[in-house]
Protein backbone atom coordinates (compact mmCIF):
# COMPACT_ATOMS: atom_id res chain seq x y z
CA UNK A 1 0.00 0.00 0.00
CA UNK A 2 1.29 3.42 -0.90
CA UNK A 3 -0.51 6.70 -0.40
CA UNK A 4 0.78 10.14 -1.32
CA UNK A 5 -0.57 13.48 -0.17
CA UNK A 6 0.88 16.66 -1.67
CA UNK A 7 0.21 20.33 -1.05
CA UNK A 8 1.80 23.65 -1.87
CA UNK A 9 1.57 25.62 1.38
CA UNK A 10 1.45 29.40 1.15
CA UNK A 11 4.12 29.96 3.80
CA UNK A 12 7.92 29.79 3.97
CA UNK A 13 9.64 26.53 4.78
CA UNK A 14 10.71 27.33 8.38
CA UNK A 15 7.24 27.71 9.95
CA UNK A 16 5.85 24.82 7.89
CA UNK A 17 8.67 22.52 9.03
CA UNK A 18 8.21 23.66 12.62
CA UNK A 19 4.49 22.88 12.52
CA UNK A 20 5.05 19.53 10.78
CA UNK A 21 7.68 18.39 13.26
CA UNK A 22 6.11 19.79 16.47
CA UNK A 23 3.67 16.89 16.77
CA UNK A 24 2.80 17.60 20.40
CA UNK A 25 1.15 20.81 19.19
CA UNK A 26 -0.99 19.03 16.59
CA UNK A 27 -4.08 18.61 18.81
CA UNK A 28 -4.07 22.41 19.31
CA UNK A 29 -4.03 23.22 15.57
CA UNK A 30 -5.64 20.06 14.15
CA UNK A 31 -9.16 19.38 15.46
CA UNK A 32 -9.20 15.77 14.26
CA UNK A 33 -6.25 14.86 16.53
CA UNK A 34 -7.42 13.51 19.89
CA UNK A 35 -3.97 13.46 21.48
CA UNK A 36 -0.23 13.18 20.83
CA UNK A 37 2.08 11.90 23.57
CA UNK A 38 5.85 11.70 23.47
CA UNK A 39 6.69 8.41 25.17
CA UNK A 40 10.43 8.85 24.68
CA UNK A 41 12.39 11.93 23.63
CA UNK A 42 15.59 12.02 21.64
CA UNK A 43 17.41 14.94 20.08
CA UNK A 44 16.33 13.67 16.64
CA UNK A 45 12.74 12.72 17.57
CA UNK A 46 11.58 9.90 19.80
CA UNK A 47 8.68 7.55 20.27
CA UNK A 48 5.29 9.17 19.83
CA UNK A 49 1.78 7.87 20.48
CA UNK A 50 -0.93 9.49 18.38
CA UNK A 51 -4.69 9.29 18.13
CA UNK A 52 -6.86 10.96 15.51
CA UNK A 53 -10.48 10.75 14.45
CA UNK A 54 -11.49 9.76 10.94
CA UNK A 55 -14.89 11.35 10.33
CA UNK A 56 -17.66 9.51 8.51
CA UNK A 57 -20.42 12.07 8.17
CA UNK A 58 -21.54 12.98 11.69
CA UNK A 59 -19.60 10.08 13.26
CA UNK A 60 -15.92 9.97 14.22
CA UNK A 61 -13.93 6.73 14.08
CA UNK A 62 -11.06 6.92 16.60
CA UNK A 63 -7.67 5.64 15.42
CA UNK A 64 -4.47 5.06 17.37
CA UNK A 65 -0.82 4.21 16.63
CA UNK A 66 2.67 4.53 18.08
CA UNK A 67 5.69 5.45 15.97
CA UNK A 68 9.41 5.92 16.09
CA UNK A 69 9.91 9.47 14.84
CA UNK A 70 13.02 11.08 13.33
CA UNK A 71 13.29 14.79 12.55
CA UNK A 72 15.95 15.87 10.06
CA UNK A 73 16.16 19.69 10.00
CA UNK A 74 18.92 19.66 7.36
CA UNK A 75 16.92 17.62 4.80
CA UNK A 76 13.60 19.08 6.01
CA UNK A 77 12.15 15.62 6.56
CA UNK A 78 10.14 13.98 9.29
CA UNK A 79 10.09 10.19 9.23
CA UNK A 80 8.01 7.67 11.12
CA UNK A 81 8.00 3.92 11.52
CA UNK A 82 4.77 2.66 13.09
CA UNK A 83 5.66 0.23 15.88
CA UNK A 84 2.26 -0.36 17.52
CA UNK A 85 -1.32 -0.37 16.32
CA UNK A 86 -3.02 -1.87 13.29
CA UNK A 87 -0.55 -0.09 10.99
CA UNK A 88 2.56 -1.57 12.63
CA UNK A 89 5.40 -1.65 10.09
CA UNK A 90 4.17 1.39 8.12
CA UNK A 91 6.84 3.84 6.98
CA UNK A 92 5.95 7.50 6.62
CA UNK A 93 8.01 10.38 5.29
CA UNK A 94 7.17 14.06 5.23
CA UNK A 95 9.36 15.96 2.75
CA UNK A 96 9.35 19.74 2.62
CA UNK A 97 10.93 21.78 -0.16
CA UNK A 98 11.07 25.57 -0.33
CA UNK A 99 9.55 27.07 -3.48
CA UNK A 100 10.15 30.79 -3.10
CA UNK A 101 7.95 32.01 -0.26
CA UNK A 102 5.87 28.81 -0.39
CA UNK A 103 6.60 25.22 0.67
CA UNK A 104 5.93 22.03 -1.25
CA UNK A 105 4.98 19.28 1.23
CA UNK A 106 4.57 15.61 0.42
CA UNK A 107 3.58 12.82 2.79
CA UNK A 108 4.22 9.27 1.63
CA UNK A 109 2.90 6.25 3.53
CA UNK A 110 4.18 2.79 2.57
CA UNK A 111 3.06 -0.46 4.16
CA UNK A 112 2.75 -4.12 3.33
CA UNK A 113 -0.52 -4.38 5.25
CA UNK A 114 -1.70 -5.98 8.46
CA UNK A 115 -0.69 -9.49 9.45
CA UNK A 116 -4.03 -10.93 8.35
CA UNK A 117 -3.78 -13.97 6.08
CA UNK A 118 -5.81 -13.80 2.86
CA UNK A 119 -7.16 -10.27 3.34
CA UNK A 120 -3.87 -8.46 4.00
CA UNK A 121 -3.63 -6.83 0.55
CA UNK A 122 -7.30 -5.84 0.14
CA UNK A 123 -7.51 -4.54 3.71
CA UNK A 124 -4.43 -2.34 3.20
CA UNK A 125 -5.13 -1.17 -0.35
CA UNK A 126 -8.91 -0.86 -0.39
CA UNK A 127 -9.76 0.21 3.17
CA UNK A 128 -6.95 1.15 5.56
CA UNK A 129 -4.81 3.09 3.07
CA UNK A 130 -7.33 5.11 1.07
CA UNK A 131 -10.04 5.46 3.73
CA UNK A 132 -8.15 5.82 6.99
CA UNK A 133 -4.51 6.70 6.27
CA UNK A 134 -5.18 9.11 3.43
CA UNK A 135 -8.32 10.40 5.13
CA UNK A 136 -6.31 11.44 8.18
CA UNK A 137 -3.11 12.51 6.37
CA UNK A 138 -4.98 14.80 3.96
CA UNK A 139 -6.73 16.51 6.89
CA UNK A 140 -3.43 16.82 8.76
CA UNK A 141 -1.69 18.43 5.81
CA UNK A 142 -4.62 20.77 5.14
CA UNK A 143 -4.80 21.74 8.82
CA UNK A 144 -1.10 22.49 9.05
CA UNK A 145 -1.36 24.56 5.87
CA UNK A 146 -4.30 26.54 7.32
CA UNK A 147 -2.46 27.15 10.60
CA UNK A 148 0.82 28.36 9.09
CA UNK A 149 -0.87 30.38 6.35
CA UNK A 150 -2.84 32.15 9.08
CA UNK A 151 0.37 32.72 11.06
CA UNK A 152 -0.44 30.40 13.97
CA UNK A 153 1.13 27.07 13.08
CA UNK A 154 4.74 27.41 14.13
């Protein structure tokens, strides 16, 4: 399973990178995030537990996962490896590239699917990836864009 979300954010790279990498602030600027908890801190990231809602009309479906997180301020990348939750084994990379006074952001999720015999591929490619992963990632990227474009994301 591979999903890609891309957006050109109308703000310079520095505040966009700050908002993308400051995950503990996400519940403040992203209403679909229930919580973000740093379980372990390192100078380059740490272990982070996250929970977000995936809306379906008036109903919210709560999701949860724990990831190893690495922040690379030189390459302007934030990487994750999901280590707990249904998406265990998923690799995620946020790449940010300055384009004048705007920032091109891409989020790529790659995963071989859950450890469920027979339905691993369809579950990952038909439900979890496009419905849940992309549903949450697209909202996250849009919310970060709104926050930094309004001057309140960093």
